[in-house]
Amino acid sequence: MSPRRMGRPGLIGMAARTAVVAGTATAVSGNMQRRQQARAQDAQAQADAEAQAQQHYDYAQLAQLHSAGVLSASEFTAAKGKLLA
């Protein structure tokens, strides 16, 4: 049995250590990318929901103005077309 070597690791030991470090870095980087994508998707979904709620609110205001007689049918249709575009 050969004596155990002390000191610096050999070529195989360095290659193994490099592979572990590279694998860990890749895993961490992948996790960070997935989290960033999930946050971006959540932010986009929130922005879409807010825009849809604002559009619904604006349409309700137009409908109120139309039913109160402030807007004619053609004015209401034109305003609704701008809102939905």
Protein backbone atom coordinates (compact mmCIF):
# COMPACT_ATOMS: atom_id res chain seq x y z
CA MET A 1 0.00 0.00 0.00
CA SER A 2 1.39 3.36 -0.97
CA PRO A 3 1.72 6.06 1.65
CA ARG A 4 -0.94 8.74 1.63
CA ARG A 5 0.24 11.90 0.00
CA MET A 6 -0.01 15.13 1.98
CA GLY A 7 0.08 18.65 0.65
CA ARG A 8 -1.24 19.76 -2.69
CA PRO A 9 -3.89 17.65 -4.43
CA GLY A 10 -2.92 15.88 -7.60
CA LEU A 11 -4.28 16.53 -11.05
CA ILE A 12 -7.33 14.32 -10.51
CA GLY A 13 -8.08 15.97 -7.17
CA MET A 14 -7.88 19.44 -8.71
CA ALA A 15 -10.10 18.40 -11.61
CA ALA A 16 -12.65 16.96 -9.21
CA ARG A 17 -12.61 20.10 -7.06
CA THR A 18 -12.99 22.29 -10.16
CA ALA A 19 -15.93 20.17 -11.33
CA VAL A 20 -17.65 20.52 -7.95
CA VAL A 21 -17.13 24.28 -7.89
CA ALA A 22 -18.34 24.66 -11.48
CA GLY A 23 -21.38 22.45 -10.83
CA THR A 24 -22.29 24.43 -7.73
CA ALA A 25 -21.92 27.73 -9.56
CA THR A 26 -24.13 26.47 -12.39
CA ALA A 27 -26.80 25.29 -9.95
CA VAL A 28 -26.79 28.58 -8.05
CA SER A 29 -26.92 30.58 -11.28
CA GLY A 30 -29.84 28.49 -12.56
CA ASN A 31 -31.77 28.99 -9.32
CA MET A 32 -31.19 32.74 -9.47
CA GLN A 33 -32.41 32.90 -13.07
CA ARG A 34 -35.56 30.93 -12.22
CA ARG A 35 -36.32 33.22 -9.27
CA GLN A 36 -35.76 36.34 -11.37
CA GLN A 37 -38.04 34.99 -14.10
CA ALA A 38 -40.74 34.15 -11.56
CA ARG A 39 -40.52 37.66 -10.08
CA ALA A 40 -40.73 39.22 -13.54
CA GLN A 41 -43.76 37.08 -14.41
CA ASP A 42 -45.45 38.01 -11.12
CA ALA A 43 -44.77 41.69 -11.73
CA GLN A 44 -46.16 41.45 -15.27
CA ALA A 45 -49.27 39.63 -14.06
CA GLN A 46 -49.80 42.31 -11.41
CA ALA A 47 -49.38 45.10 -13.98
CA ASP A 48 -51.82 43.36 -16.36
CA ALA A 49 -54.39 42.98 -13.58
CA GLU A 50 -54.05 46.64 -12.62
CA ALA A 51 -54.41 47.75 -16.24
CA GLN A 52 -57.50 45.60 -16.68
CA ALA A 53 -59.03 46.98 -13.48
CA GLN A 54 -58.32 50.55 -14.62
CA GLN A 55 -59.87 49.84 -18.02
CA HIS A 56 -62.98 48.41 -16.35
CA TYR A 57 -63.21 51.46 -14.08
CA ASP A 58 -62.85 53.86 -17.04
CA TYR A 59 -65.52 51.96 -18.99
CA ALA A 60 -67.88 52.14 -15.99
CA GLN A 61 -67.37 55.90 -15.83
CA LEU A 62 -68.12 56.23 -19.54
CA ALA A 63 -71.26 54.14 -19.11
CA GLN A 64 -72.38 56.38 -16.25
CA LEU A 65 -71.83 59.50 -18.32
CA HIS A 66 -73.76 57.96 -21.21
CA SER A 67 -76.67 56.87 -19.02
CA ALA A 68 -76.77 60.33 -17.38
CA GLY A 69 -77.09 61.90 -20.84
CA VAL A 70 -73.75 63.68 -20.71
CA LEU A 71 -72.41 61.62 -23.64
CA SER A 72 -74.38 60.88 -26.78
CA ALA A 73 -74.41 57.37 -28.23
CA SER A 74 -71.83 58.30 -30.86
CA GLU A 75 -69.58 60.00 -28.28
CA PHE A 76 -69.87 56.98 -26.01
CA THR A 77 -69.00 54.62 -28.88
CA ALA A 78 -66.00 56.73 -29.89
CA ALA A 79 -64.71 56.98 -26.30
CA LYS A 80 -65.23 53.25 -25.77
CA GLY A 81 -63.29 52.52 -28.96
CA LYS A 82 -60.36 54.63 -27.75
CA LEU A 83 -60.47 52.94 -24.35
CA LEU A 84 -60.49 49.42 -25.73
CA ALA A 85 -57.81 50.09 -28.38
